Amino acid sequence: MLASLVLLGMALAMSGHLDSARPVSATAPLGSLEQPVIPIEISGPLADRNSEVSGLDWYADYLIILPQYPERLGNHLFALRKADILDALSAQRTASLEPIPIPFFAPDFASEIGGFEGCEAIAFKGNRAFITIEAELNGAAKGYVVTGTLASDLSQLAIDSQRLAESPAQSTSPNKADESLIIAENQIIAIYEANGA
């Protein structure tokens, strides 16, 4: 839960939405990008400390939340409205935020990918979603990228089962893969979790 709140704050800060939500501390140097930590209570399935939120990205006015194991949460991703987050940050809303469930239609990754260890990152280009997957087979770490389409009304995110790309490991360390995704123009940039290339 704490990790999801920290990631939520990071996503807001990176999107530029925290600056207007609450002023920087009077003791912070002028021009500082540091922001105070503002806890936001989340209810529903993601409030469980075992929900293992792994990735976040903005889609239109929604923050899409990727659990590491969507199948453990009924094959769902989740979304929070940006307006609700900003209201909570500005103390205009005191009730907990309950993420909107998004049905996740995907192959059985555990059967399709040997040594499957969960979903790691998500990024959007329009309604096209890209998700990284981590696996470890016979002591060797592996990474994959899958793609799918998010319905504009958030009624589902469907993975294209025919498109699975392997992302070569950048170290021999176990339990390592691409932990973050950035989309810049038409390039997908995967960031390895152990200071890779």
N, C-alpha and C. Protein backbone atom coordinates (compact mmCIF):
# COMPACT_ATOMS: atom_id res chain seq x y z
N MET A 1 0.83 -1.20 0.00
CA MET A 1 0.00 0.00 0.00
C MET A 1 0.87 1.26 0.00
N LEU A 2 1.89 1.27 0.89
CA LEU A 2 2.77 2.43 0.95
C LEU A 2 3.47 2.62 -0.39
N ALA A 3 3.89 1.50 -1.00
CA ALA A 3 4.57 1.61 -2.30
C ALA A 3 3.64 2.24 -3.33
N SER A 4 2.36 1.87 -3.29
CA SER A 4 1.44 2.44 -4.29
C SER A 4 1.25 3.93 -4.07
N LEU A 5 1.24 4.36 -2.80
CA LEU A 5 1.09 5.79 -2.54
C LEU A 5 2.33 6.56 -2.98
N VAL A 6 3.51 5.98 -2.74
CA VAL A 6 4.74 6.63 -3.18
C VAL A 6 4.77 6.71 -4.69
N LEU A 7 4.41 5.61 -5.36
CA LEU A 7 4.38 5.63 -6.82
C LEU A 7 3.35 6.62 -7.34
N LEU A 8 2.21 6.71 -6.67
CA LEU A 8 1.19 7.67 -7.05
C LEU A 8 1.74 9.09 -6.97
N GLY A 9 2.43 9.39 -5.88
CA GLY A 9 3.02 10.71 -5.74
C GLY A 9 4.05 10.99 -6.81
N MET A 10 4.86 9.96 -7.13
CA MET A 10 5.87 10.14 -8.18
C MET A 10 5.21 10.40 -9.52
N ALA A 11 4.15 9.68 -9.81
CA ALA A 11 3.46 9.87 -11.09
C ALA A 11 2.88 11.27 -11.19
N LEU A 12 2.31 11.75 -10.09
CA LEU A 12 1.74 13.10 -10.10
C LEU A 12 2.83 14.15 -10.25
N ALA A 13 3.93 13.95 -9.54
CA ALA A 13 5.02 14.92 -9.63
C ALA A 13 5.58 14.97 -11.04
N MET A 14 5.75 13.78 -11.65
CA MET A 14 6.33 13.75 -12.99
C MET A 14 5.38 14.32 -14.02
N SER A 15 4.07 14.26 -13.75
CA SER A 15 3.12 14.79 -14.72
C SER A 15 2.89 16.28 -14.52
N GLY A 16 3.50 16.86 -13.47
CA GLY A 16 3.38 18.30 -13.24
C GLY A 16 2.13 18.71 -12.50
N HIS A 17 1.41 17.75 -11.92
CA HIS A 17 0.15 18.08 -11.26
C HIS A 17 0.26 18.38 -9.78
N LEU A 18 1.42 18.15 -9.20
CA LEU A 18 1.55 18.45 -7.78
C LEU A 18 1.82 19.93 -7.53
N ASP A 19 2.47 20.59 -8.47
CA ASP A 19 2.85 21.98 -8.24
C ASP A 19 1.65 22.85 -7.89
N SER A 20 0.53 22.63 -8.55
CA SER A 20 -0.63 23.46 -8.30
C SER A 20 -1.50 22.92 -7.17
N ALA A 21 -1.25 21.68 -6.75
CA ALA A 21 -2.10 21.08 -5.73
C ALA A 21 -1.79 21.59 -4.34
N ARG A 22 -0.52 21.80 -4.03
CA ARG A 22 -0.15 22.27 -2.71
C ARG A 22 1.20 22.96 -2.82
N PRO A 23 1.35 24.12 -2.20
CA PRO A 23 2.62 24.85 -2.34
C PRO A 23 3.78 24.12 -1.69
N VAL A 24 4.96 24.36 -2.22
CA VAL A 24 6.18 23.81 -1.64
C VAL A 24 6.40 24.44 -0.28
N SER A 25 6.98 23.70 0.64
CA SER A 25 7.26 24.18 1.99
C SER A 25 8.01 25.51 1.97
N ALA A 26 7.70 26.37 2.93
CA ALA A 26 8.36 27.68 3.01
C ALA A 26 9.85 27.54 3.26
N THR A 27 10.28 26.38 3.80
CA THR A 27 11.70 26.19 4.08
C THR A 27 12.45 25.62 2.89
N ALA A 28 11.72 25.19 1.85
CA ALA A 28 12.39 24.62 0.68
C ALA A 28 13.02 25.74 -0.14
N PRO A 29 14.18 25.47 -0.73
CA PRO A 29 14.83 26.50 -1.55
C PRO A 29 13.94 26.91 -2.72
N LEU A 30 14.05 28.17 -3.11
CA LEU A 30 13.27 28.68 -4.23
C LEU A 30 13.58 27.84 -5.47
N GLY A 31 12.56 27.45 -6.17
CA GLY A 31 12.74 26.65 -7.39
C GLY A 31 12.88 25.16 -7.11
N SER A 32 12.78 24.74 -5.84
CA SER A 32 12.90 23.34 -5.50
C SER A 32 11.72 22.56 -6.06
N LEU A 33 12.00 21.35 -6.55
CA LEU A 33 10.94 20.48 -7.05
C LEU A 33 10.44 19.53 -5.96
N GLU A 34 11.04 19.63 -4.78
CA GLU A 34 10.64 18.74 -3.69
C GLU A 34 9.21 19.06 -3.28
N GLN A 35 8.45 18.01 -3.03
CA GLN A 35 7.06 18.16 -2.63
C GLN A 35 6.84 17.42 -1.31
N PRO A 36 5.93 17.90 -0.49
CA PRO A 36 5.64 17.18 0.76
C PRO A 36 4.92 15.87 0.45
N VAL A 37 5.09 14.90 1.33
CA VAL A 37 4.38 13.63 1.22
C VAL A 37 2.96 13.85 1.73
N ILE A 38 1.99 13.51 0.92
CA ILE A 38 0.58 13.66 1.30
C ILE A 38 -0.07 12.29 1.18
N PRO A 39 -0.32 11.62 2.30
CA PRO A 39 -0.95 10.29 2.22
C PRO A 39 -2.36 10.39 1.65
N ILE A 40 -2.69 9.44 0.80
CA ILE A 40 -4.04 9.33 0.25
C ILE A 40 -4.52 7.92 0.56
N GLU A 41 -5.64 7.82 1.25
CA GLU A 41 -6.16 6.50 1.59
C GLU A 41 -6.86 5.91 0.38
N ILE A 42 -6.53 4.64 0.10
CA ILE A 42 -7.14 3.91 -1.01
C ILE A 42 -7.92 2.74 -0.43
N SER A 43 -9.13 2.53 -0.94
CA SER A 43 -9.95 1.41 -0.48
C SER A 43 -10.10 0.39 -1.61
N GLY A 44 -10.78 -0.69 -1.31
CA GLY A 44 -10.98 -1.73 -2.31
C GLY A 44 -9.81 -2.70 -2.35
N PRO A 45 -9.73 -3.51 -3.40
CA PRO A 45 -8.70 -4.55 -3.48
C PRO A 45 -7.27 -4.04 -3.36
N LEU A 46 -6.99 -2.83 -3.84
CA LEU A 46 -5.62 -2.32 -3.79
C LEU A 46 -5.22 -1.88 -2.38
N ALA A 47 -6.16 -1.81 -1.45
CA ALA A 47 -5.83 -1.46 -0.08
C ALA A 47 -5.14 -2.64 0.63
N ASP A 48 -5.27 -3.83 0.08
CA ASP A 48 -4.61 -5.00 0.65
C ASP A 48 -3.11 -4.88 0.43
N ARG A 49 -2.34 -5.03 1.48
CA ARG A 49 -0.88 -4.87 1.37
C ARG A 49 -0.26 -5.89 0.43
N ASN A 50 -0.98 -6.97 0.10
CA ASN A 50 -0.46 -7.98 -0.81
C ASN A 50 -0.88 -7.76 -2.26
N SER A 51 -1.45 -6.62 -2.55
CA SER A 51 -1.90 -6.35 -3.92
C SER A 51 -0.74 -6.16 -4.89
N GLU A 52 0.42 -5.79 -4.38
CA GLU A 52 1.65 -5.69 -5.16
C GLU A 52 1.50 -4.83 -6.41
N VAL A 53 1.19 -3.56 -6.21
CA VAL A 53 1.15 -2.63 -7.33
C VAL A 53 2.55 -2.53 -7.94
N SER A 54 2.62 -2.65 -9.25
CA SER A 54 3.92 -2.71 -9.90
C SER A 54 4.16 -1.54 -10.85
N GLY A 55 3.12 -1.06 -11.53
CA GLY A 55 3.32 0.01 -12.51
C GLY A 55 2.16 0.98 -12.55
N LEU A 56 2.47 2.18 -13.04
CA LEU A 56 1.47 3.25 -13.17
C LEU A 56 1.74 4.02 -14.46
N ASP A 57 0.68 4.51 -15.08
CA ASP A 57 0.83 5.48 -16.17
C ASP A 57 -0.50 6.19 -16.35
N TRP A 58 -0.41 7.38 -16.94
CA TRP A 58 -1.61 8.16 -17.23
C TRP A 58 -2.22 7.73 -18.54
N TYR A 59 -3.55 7.61 -18.55
CA TYR A 59 -4.33 7.44 -19.77
C TYR A 59 -5.43 8.48 -19.70
N ALA A 60 -5.37 9.47 -20.58
CA ALA A 60 -6.33 10.59 -20.53
C ALA A 60 -6.33 11.16 -19.11
N ASP A 61 -7.48 11.23 -18.46
CA ASP A 61 -7.57 11.80 -17.12
C ASP A 61 -7.65 10.73 -16.03
N TYR A 62 -7.03 9.60 -16.31
CA TYR A 62 -7.02 8.49 -15.35
C TYR A 62 -5.59 8.01 -15.12
N LEU A 63 -5.30 7.69 -13.87
CA LEU A 63 -4.06 7.04 -13.54
C LEU A 63 -4.34 5.53 -13.55
N ILE A 64 -3.71 4.82 -14.47
CA ILE A 64 -3.92 3.38 -14.59
C ILE A 64 -2.90 2.68 -13.69
N ILE A 65 -3.38 1.73 -12.90
CA ILE A 65 -2.57 1.04 -11.90
C ILE A 65 -2.46 -0.43 -12.29
N LEU A 66 -1.22 -0.89 -12.43
CA LEU A 66 -0.94 -2.27 -12.85
C LEU A 66 -0.49 -3.10 -11.65
N PRO A 67 -1.27 -4.10 -11.23
CA PRO A 67 -0.77 -5.03 -10.22
C PRO A 67 0.27 -5.96 -10.84
N GLN A 68 1.21 -6.42 -10.04
CA GLN A 68 2.21 -7.36 -10.56
C GLN A 68 1.54 -8.64 -11.03
N TYR A 69 0.51 -9.07 -10.31
CA TYR A 69 -0.22 -10.29 -10.66
C TYR A 69 -1.71 -9.97 -10.80
N PRO A 70 -2.14 -9.48 -11.96
CA PRO A 70 -3.56 -9.12 -12.12
C PRO A 70 -4.51 -10.29 -11.83
N GLU A 71 -4.04 -11.52 -12.09
CA GLU A 71 -4.90 -12.69 -11.88
C GLU A 71 -5.27 -12.85 -10.40
N ARG A 72 -4.42 -12.36 -9.49
CA ARG A 72 -4.73 -12.45 -8.06
C ARG A 72 -5.82 -11.47 -7.65
N LEU A 73 -6.10 -10.51 -8.50
CA LEU A 73 -7.14 -9.51 -8.22
C LEU A 73 -8.26 -9.65 -9.24
N GLY A 74 -8.60 -10.89 -9.56
CA GLY A 74 -9.72 -11.16 -10.46
C GLY A 74 -9.45 -10.76 -11.90
N ASN A 75 -8.20 -10.76 -12.33
CA ASN A 75 -7.81 -10.32 -13.67
C ASN A 75 -8.28 -8.90 -13.94
N HIS A 76 -7.81 -8.00 -13.07
CA HIS A 76 -8.14 -6.57 -13.21
C HIS A 76 -6.90 -5.70 -13.09
N LEU A 77 -6.92 -4.61 -13.83
CA LEU A 77 -6.09 -3.46 -13.56
C LEU A 77 -7.03 -2.47 -12.88
N PHE A 78 -6.52 -1.29 -12.52
CA PHE A 78 -7.36 -0.32 -11.81
C PHE A 78 -7.06 1.08 -12.30
N ALA A 79 -7.99 1.99 -12.03
CA ALA A 79 -7.82 3.39 -12.44
C ALA A 79 -8.32 4.31 -11.35
N LEU A 80 -7.65 5.45 -11.23
CA LEU A 80 -8.10 6.54 -10.36
C LEU A 80 -8.30 7.78 -11.22
N ARG A 81 -9.39 8.50 -10.97
CA ARG A 81 -9.63 9.76 -11.69
C ARG A 81 -8.65 10.82 -11.21
N LYS A 82 -8.05 11.52 -12.15
CA LYS A 82 -7.10 12.58 -11.80
C LYS A 82 -7.77 13.63 -10.93
N ALA A 83 -9.02 13.98 -11.24
CA ALA A 83 -9.73 15.00 -10.46
C ALA A 83 -9.87 14.57 -9.01
N ASP A 84 -10.14 13.28 -8.76
CA ASP A 84 -10.27 12.79 -7.38
C ASP A 84 -8.94 12.85 -6.65
N ILE A 85 -7.86 12.53 -7.36
CA ILE A 85 -6.52 12.59 -6.75
C ILE A 85 -6.19 14.03 -6.37
N LEU A 86 -6.45 14.96 -7.28
CA LEU A 86 -6.14 16.36 -7.00
C LEU A 86 -6.99 16.90 -5.86
N ASP A 87 -8.27 16.47 -5.79
CA ASP A 87 -9.13 16.88 -4.68
C ASP A 87 -8.57 16.36 -3.35
N ALA A 88 -8.09 15.12 -3.35
CA ALA A 88 -7.52 14.55 -2.12
C ALA A 88 -6.25 15.29 -1.72
N LEU A 89 -5.44 15.68 -2.70
CA LEU A 89 -4.20 16.38 -2.41
C LEU A 89 -4.45 17.80 -1.89
N SER A 90 -5.54 18.40 -2.33
CA SER A 90 -5.83 19.77 -1.89
C SER A 90 -6.78 19.79 -0.69
N ALA A 91 -7.02 18.60 -0.10
CA ALA A 91 -7.88 18.45 1.09
C ALA A 91 -9.33 18.80 0.82
N GLN A 92 -9.74 18.83 -0.43
CA GLN A 92 -11.16 19.04 -0.75
C GLN A 92 -11.94 17.74 -0.67
N ARG A 93 -11.20 16.64 -0.55
CA ARG A 93 -11.84 15.33 -0.43
C ARG A 93 -11.15 14.58 0.69
N THR A 94 -11.92 14.09 1.64
CA THR A 94 -11.33 13.37 2.77
C THR A 94 -11.64 11.88 2.72
N ALA A 95 -12.63 11.49 1.93
CA ALA A 95 -12.96 10.06 1.83
C ALA A 95 -11.87 9.34 1.05
N SER A 96 -11.73 8.04 1.35
CA SER A 96 -10.72 7.26 0.63
C SER A 96 -11.11 7.16 -0.85
N LEU A 97 -10.10 6.94 -1.69
CA LEU A 97 -10.33 6.77 -3.11
C LEU A 97 -10.44 5.28 -3.41
N GLU A 98 -11.48 4.89 -4.13
CA GLU A 98 -11.61 3.48 -4.51
C GLU A 98 -11.34 3.36 -6.00
N PRO A 99 -10.24 2.71 -6.36
CA PRO A 99 -9.90 2.57 -7.76
C PRO A 99 -10.99 1.83 -8.55
N ILE A 100 -11.14 2.23 -9.80
CA ILE A 100 -12.11 1.63 -10.71
C ILE A 100 -11.47 0.36 -11.29
N PRO A 101 -12.14 -0.79 -11.17
CA PRO A 101 -11.57 -2.01 -11.75
C PRO A 101 -11.69 -2.00 -13.28
N ILE A 102 -10.65 -2.45 -13.95
CA ILE A 102 -10.65 -2.57 -15.41
C ILE A 102 -10.39 -4.04 -15.75
N PRO A 103 -11.36 -4.73 -16.35
CA PRO A 103 -11.13 -6.13 -16.72
C PRO A 103 -9.90 -6.26 -17.64
N PHE A 104 -9.06 -7.23 -17.32
CA PHE A 104 -7.79 -7.44 -18.01
C PHE A 104 -7.86 -8.78 -18.73
N PHE A 105 -7.96 -8.71 -20.06
CA PHE A 105 -8.04 -9.93 -20.87
C PHE A 105 -6.66 -10.23 -21.44
N ALA A 106 -6.05 -11.28 -20.92
CA ALA A 106 -4.68 -11.61 -21.30
C ALA A 106 -4.53 -13.13 -21.31
N PRO A 107 -3.53 -13.60 -22.06
CA PRO A 107 -3.24 -15.04 -21.98
C PRO A 107 -2.84 -15.40 -20.55
N ASP A 108 -2.86 -16.68 -20.25
CA ASP A 108 -2.38 -17.14 -18.95
C ASP A 108 -0.85 -17.06 -19.00
N PHE A 109 -0.31 -15.92 -18.55
CA PHE A 109 1.13 -15.70 -18.65
C PHE A 109 1.93 -16.80 -17.96
N ALA A 110 1.42 -17.31 -16.84
CA ALA A 110 2.15 -18.35 -16.10
C ALA A 110 2.31 -19.61 -16.94
N SER A 111 1.34 -19.89 -17.83
CA SER A 111 1.43 -21.06 -18.71
C SER A 111 2.22 -20.75 -19.97
N GLU A 112 2.09 -19.52 -20.47
CA GLU A 112 2.72 -19.14 -21.74
C GLU A 112 4.21 -18.81 -21.60
N ILE A 113 4.59 -18.30 -20.42
CA ILE A 113 5.96 -17.82 -20.22
C ILE A 113 6.59 -18.63 -19.09
N GLY A 114 7.61 -19.40 -19.43
CA GLY A 114 8.28 -20.22 -18.42
C GLY A 114 8.91 -19.35 -17.34
N GLY A 115 8.65 -19.68 -16.09
CA GLY A 115 9.23 -18.94 -14.96
C GLY A 115 8.62 -17.57 -14.75
N PHE A 116 7.37 -17.37 -15.19
CA PHE A 116 6.69 -16.07 -15.06
C PHE A 116 6.76 -15.54 -13.63
N GLU A 117 7.20 -14.27 -13.49
CA GLU A 117 7.29 -13.63 -12.17
C GLU A 117 6.51 -12.33 -12.11
N GLY A 118 5.60 -12.12 -13.02
CA GLY A 118 4.70 -10.99 -12.90
C GLY A 118 4.92 -9.87 -13.91
N CYS A 119 3.94 -8.98 -13.93
CA CYS A 119 3.98 -7.77 -14.76
C CYS A 119 4.75 -6.70 -13.99
N GLU A 120 5.51 -5.88 -14.70
CA GLU A 120 6.37 -4.91 -14.03
C GLU A 120 6.04 -3.46 -14.33
N ALA A 121 5.80 -3.11 -15.59
CA ALA A 121 5.62 -1.70 -15.95
C ALA A 121 4.53 -1.60 -17.01
N ILE A 122 3.93 -0.42 -17.09
CA ILE A 122 2.91 -0.15 -18.10
C ILE A 122 3.11 1.26 -18.64
N ALA A 123 2.86 1.42 -19.94
CA ALA A 123 2.94 2.74 -20.56
C ALA A 123 1.94 2.78 -21.71
N PHE A 124 1.43 3.98 -21.98
CA PHE A 124 0.42 4.15 -23.02
C PHE A 124 0.88 5.08 -24.12
N LYS A 125 0.50 4.73 -25.35
CA LYS A 125 0.59 5.61 -26.51
C LYS A 125 -0.82 5.62 -27.09
N GLY A 126 -1.55 6.68 -26.80
CA GLY A 126 -2.98 6.67 -27.14
C GLY A 126 -3.65 5.60 -26.31
N ASN A 127 -4.46 4.76 -26.96
CA ASN A 127 -5.11 3.68 -26.20
C ASN A 127 -4.34 2.37 -26.30
N ARG A 128 -3.14 2.44 -26.88
CA ARG A 128 -2.28 1.26 -26.96
C ARG A 128 -1.46 1.14 -25.69
N ALA A 129 -1.53 -0.01 -25.05
CA ALA A 129 -0.79 -0.25 -23.81
C ALA A 129 0.40 -1.15 -24.08
N PHE A 130 1.49 -0.89 -23.37
CA PHE A 130 2.68 -1.74 -23.42
C PHE A 130 2.99 -2.14 -21.98
N ILE A 131 3.24 -3.42 -21.77
CA ILE A 131 3.48 -3.96 -20.43
C ILE A 131 4.74 -4.82 -20.47
N THR A 132 5.63 -4.62 -19.48
CA THR A 132 6.79 -5.50 -19.37
C THR A 132 6.48 -6.64 -18.40
N ILE A 133 7.10 -7.76 -18.68
CA ILE A 133 6.91 -8.98 -17.88
C ILE A 133 8.28 -9.50 -17.48
N GLU A 134 8.37 -9.97 -16.25
CA GLU A 134 9.62 -10.55 -15.74
C GLU A 134 9.45 -12.06 -15.58
N ALA A 135 10.50 -12.78 -15.91
CA ALA A 135 10.49 -14.23 -15.75
C ALA A 135 11.89 -14.69 -15.37
N GLU A 136 11.97 -15.89 -14.81
CA GLU A 136 13.27 -16.50 -14.52
C GLU A 136 13.14 -17.99 -14.75
N LEU A 137 13.97 -18.50 -15.65
CA LEU A 137 13.90 -19.91 -16.01
C LEU A 137 15.29 -20.52 -15.91
N ASN A 138 15.40 -21.57 -15.12
CA ASN A 138 16.69 -22.26 -14.92
C ASN A 138 17.79 -21.29 -14.47
N GLY A 139 17.42 -20.37 -13.58
CA GLY A 139 18.39 -19.43 -13.03
C GLY A 139 18.70 -18.24 -13.93
N ALA A 140 18.10 -18.17 -15.11
CA ALA A 140 18.36 -17.06 -16.03
C ALA A 140 17.15 -16.13 -16.07
N ALA A 141 17.42 -14.84 -15.82
CA ALA A 141 16.34 -13.85 -15.87
C ALA A 141 16.00 -13.55 -17.31
N LYS A 142 14.71 -13.33 -17.55
CA LYS A 142 14.23 -12.97 -18.89
C LYS A 142 13.20 -11.86 -18.76
N GLY A 143 13.09 -11.06 -19.81
CA GLY A 143 12.08 -10.02 -19.84
C GLY A 143 11.32 -10.08 -21.14
N TYR A 144 10.07 -9.61 -21.09
CA TYR A 144 9.22 -9.61 -22.27
C TYR A 144 8.42 -8.31 -22.29
N VAL A 145 7.96 -7.95 -23.48
CA VAL A 145 7.04 -6.82 -23.63
C VAL A 145 5.84 -7.33 -24.40
N VAL A 146 4.65 -7.03 -23.88
CA VAL A 146 3.40 -7.35 -24.58
C VAL A 146 2.66 -6.04 -24.84
N THR A 147 1.73 -6.11 -25.76
CA THR A 147 0.94 -4.93 -26.09
C THR A 147 -0.53 -5.28 -26.13
N GLY A 148 -1.35 -4.28 -25.90
CA GLY A 148 -2.78 -4.48 -25.93
C GLY A 148 -3.50 -3.16 -26.12
N THR A 149 -4.82 -3.22 -26.08
CA THR A 149 -5.63 -2.03 -26.33
C THR A 149 -6.56 -1.78 -25.15
N LEU A 150 -6.55 -0.54 -24.67
CA LEU A 150 -7.45 -0.13 -23.59
C LEU A 150 -8.67 0.52 -24.21
N ALA A 151 -9.85 0.03 -23.86
CA ALA A 151 -11.09 0.65 -24.35
C ALA A 151 -11.20 2.06 -23.78
N SER A 152 -11.64 2.99 -24.58
CA SER A 152 -11.69 4.39 -24.16
C SER A 152 -12.61 4.61 -22.95
N ASP A 153 -13.58 3.71 -22.74
CA ASP A 153 -14.47 3.83 -21.59
C ASP A 153 -13.97 3.02 -20.39
N LEU A 154 -12.74 2.51 -20.49
CA LEU A 154 -12.09 1.70 -19.44
C LEU A 154 -12.81 0.38 -19.18
N SER A 155 -13.60 -0.08 -20.14
CA SER A 155 -14.36 -1.32 -19.93
C SER A 155 -13.48 -2.57 -20.03
N GLN A 156 -12.28 -2.44 -20.63
CA GLN A 156 -11.36 -3.58 -20.68
C GLN A 156 -10.01 -3.15 -21.22
N LEU A 157 -9.00 -3.93 -20.86
CA LEU A 157 -7.70 -3.84 -21.51
C LEU A 157 -7.43 -5.25 -22.04
N ALA A 158 -7.35 -5.37 -23.37
CA ALA A 158 -7.17 -6.67 -24.01
C ALA A 158 -5.76 -6.77 -24.58
N ILE A 159 -5.03 -7.79 -24.16
CA ILE A 159 -3.67 -8.04 -24.64
C ILE A 159 -3.73 -8.78 -25.97
N ASP A 160 -2.88 -8.37 -26.90
CA ASP A 160 -2.75 -9.06 -28.19
C ASP A 160 -1.87 -10.29 -27.95
N SER A 161 -2.49 -11.46 -27.91
CA SER A 161 -1.76 -12.68 -27.56
C SER A 161 -0.74 -13.09 -28.62
N GLN A 162 -0.83 -12.50 -29.82
CA GLN A 162 0.11 -12.85 -30.88
C GLN A 162 1.39 -12.01 -30.84
N ARG A 163 1.44 -11.02 -29.95
CA ARG A 163 2.59 -10.12 -29.93
C ARG A 163 3.28 -10.17 -28.57
N LEU A 164 4.32 -10.99 -28.51
CA LEU A 164 5.13 -11.13 -27.31
C LEU A 164 6.58 -10.99 -27.75
N ALA A 165 7.23 -9.93 -27.30
CA ALA A 165 8.63 -9.68 -27.69
C ALA A 165 9.53 -9.92 -26.50
N GLU A 166 10.61 -10.66 -26.72
CA GLU A 166 11.57 -10.87 -25.64
C GLU A 166 12.48 -9.66 -25.54
N SER A 167 12.78 -9.26 -24.32
CA SER A 167 13.70 -8.16 -24.04
C SER A 167 14.93 -8.78 -23.38
N PRO A 168 16.07 -8.78 -24.07
CA PRO A 168 17.25 -9.50 -23.55
C PRO A 168 17.67 -9.00 -22.16
N ALA A 169 18.07 -9.95 -21.32
CA ALA A 169 18.58 -9.61 -19.99
C ALA A 169 19.87 -8.82 -20.13
N GLN A 170 20.06 -7.86 -19.23
CA GLN A 170 21.26 -7.03 -19.27
C GLN A 170 22.23 -7.35 -18.15
N SER A 171 21.92 -8.39 -17.39
CA SER A 171 22.84 -8.85 -16.35
C SER A 171 22.57 -10.32 -16.09
N THR A 172 23.42 -10.94 -15.31
CA THR A 172 23.20 -12.34 -14.95
C THR A 172 22.52 -12.46 -13.59
N SER A 173 22.16 -11.32 -13.00
CA SER A 173 21.51 -11.33 -11.68
C SER A 173 20.11 -11.90 -11.79
N PRO A 174 19.71 -12.71 -10.83
CA PRO A 174 18.35 -13.24 -10.85
C PRO A 174 17.34 -12.15 -10.50
N ASN A 175 16.09 -12.41 -10.88
CA ASN A 175 14.97 -11.52 -10.53
C ASN A 175 15.20 -10.08 -11.01
N LYS A 176 15.67 -9.94 -12.23
CA LYS A 176 15.89 -8.62 -12.80
C LYS A 176 15.28 -8.57 -14.20
N ALA A 177 14.66 -7.44 -14.52
CA ALA A 177 14.08 -7.25 -15.85
C ALA A 177 13.85 -5.76 -16.06
N ASP A 178 13.10 -5.43 -17.10
CA ASP A 178 12.77 -4.04 -17.39
C ASP A 178 11.66 -3.59 -16.44
N GLU A 179 11.99 -2.65 -15.56
CA GLU A 179 11.07 -2.23 -14.49
C GLU A 179 10.26 -0.99 -14.84
N SER A 180 10.67 -0.25 -15.87
CA SER A 180 9.97 0.98 -16.23
C SER A 180 9.90 1.10 -17.74
N LEU A 181 8.86 1.78 -18.22
CA LEU A 181 8.70 2.05 -19.64
C LEU A 181 8.46 3.53 -19.84
N ILE A 182 9.06 4.07 -20.89
CA ILE A 182 8.80 5.45 -21.31
C ILE A 182 8.50 5.40 -22.79
N ILE A 183 7.50 6.14 -23.22
CA ILE A 183 7.23 6.26 -24.65
C ILE A 183 7.53 7.69 -25.04
N ALA A 184 8.51 7.83 -25.94
CA ALA A 184 8.91 9.14 -26.44
C ALA A 184 8.67 9.14 -27.95
N GLU A 185 7.70 9.97 -28.36
CA GLU A 185 7.26 9.97 -29.75
C GLU A 185 6.85 8.55 -30.13
N ASN A 186 7.57 7.90 -31.04
CA ASN A 186 7.19 6.55 -31.43
C ASN A 186 8.17 5.49 -30.96
N GLN A 187 8.96 5.82 -29.94
CA GLN A 187 9.91 4.86 -29.39
C GLN A 187 9.47 4.40 -28.01
N ILE A 188 9.60 3.11 -27.78
CA ILE A 188 9.35 2.55 -26.46
C ILE A 188 10.72 2.33 -25.83
N ILE A 189 10.94 2.95 -24.70
CA ILE A 189 12.22 2.84 -24.01
C ILE A 189 11.99 2.06 -22.72
N ALA A 190 12.65 0.91 -22.63
CA ALA A 190 12.54 0.07 -21.43
C ALA A 190 13.74 0.35 -20.55
N ILE A 191 13.50 0.54 -19.26
CA ILE A 191 14.57 0.83 -18.31
C ILE A 191 14.78 -0.38 -17.41
N TYR A 192 15.98 -0.92 -17.47
CA TYR A 192 16.34 -2.11 -16.71
C TYR A 192 16.52 -1.75 -15.24
N GLU A 193 16.19 -2.68 -14.34
CA GLU A 193 16.17 -2.32 -12.92
C GLU A 193 17.54 -2.28 -12.27
N ALA A 194 18.58 -2.72 -12.95
CA ALA A 194 19.90 -2.72 -12.33
C ALA A 194 20.89 -1.89 -13.14
N ASN A 195 20.47 -0.66 -13.45
CA ASN A 195 21.34 0.26 -14.21
C ASN A 195 21.88 -0.36 -15.47
N GLY A 196 20.98 -0.87 -16.29
CA GLY A 196 21.37 -1.50 -17.55
C GLY A 196 21.74 -0.48 -18.60
N ALA A 197 21.78 -0.94 -19.84
CA ALA A 197 22.28 -0.11 -20.95
C ALA A 197 21.40 1.12 -21.17
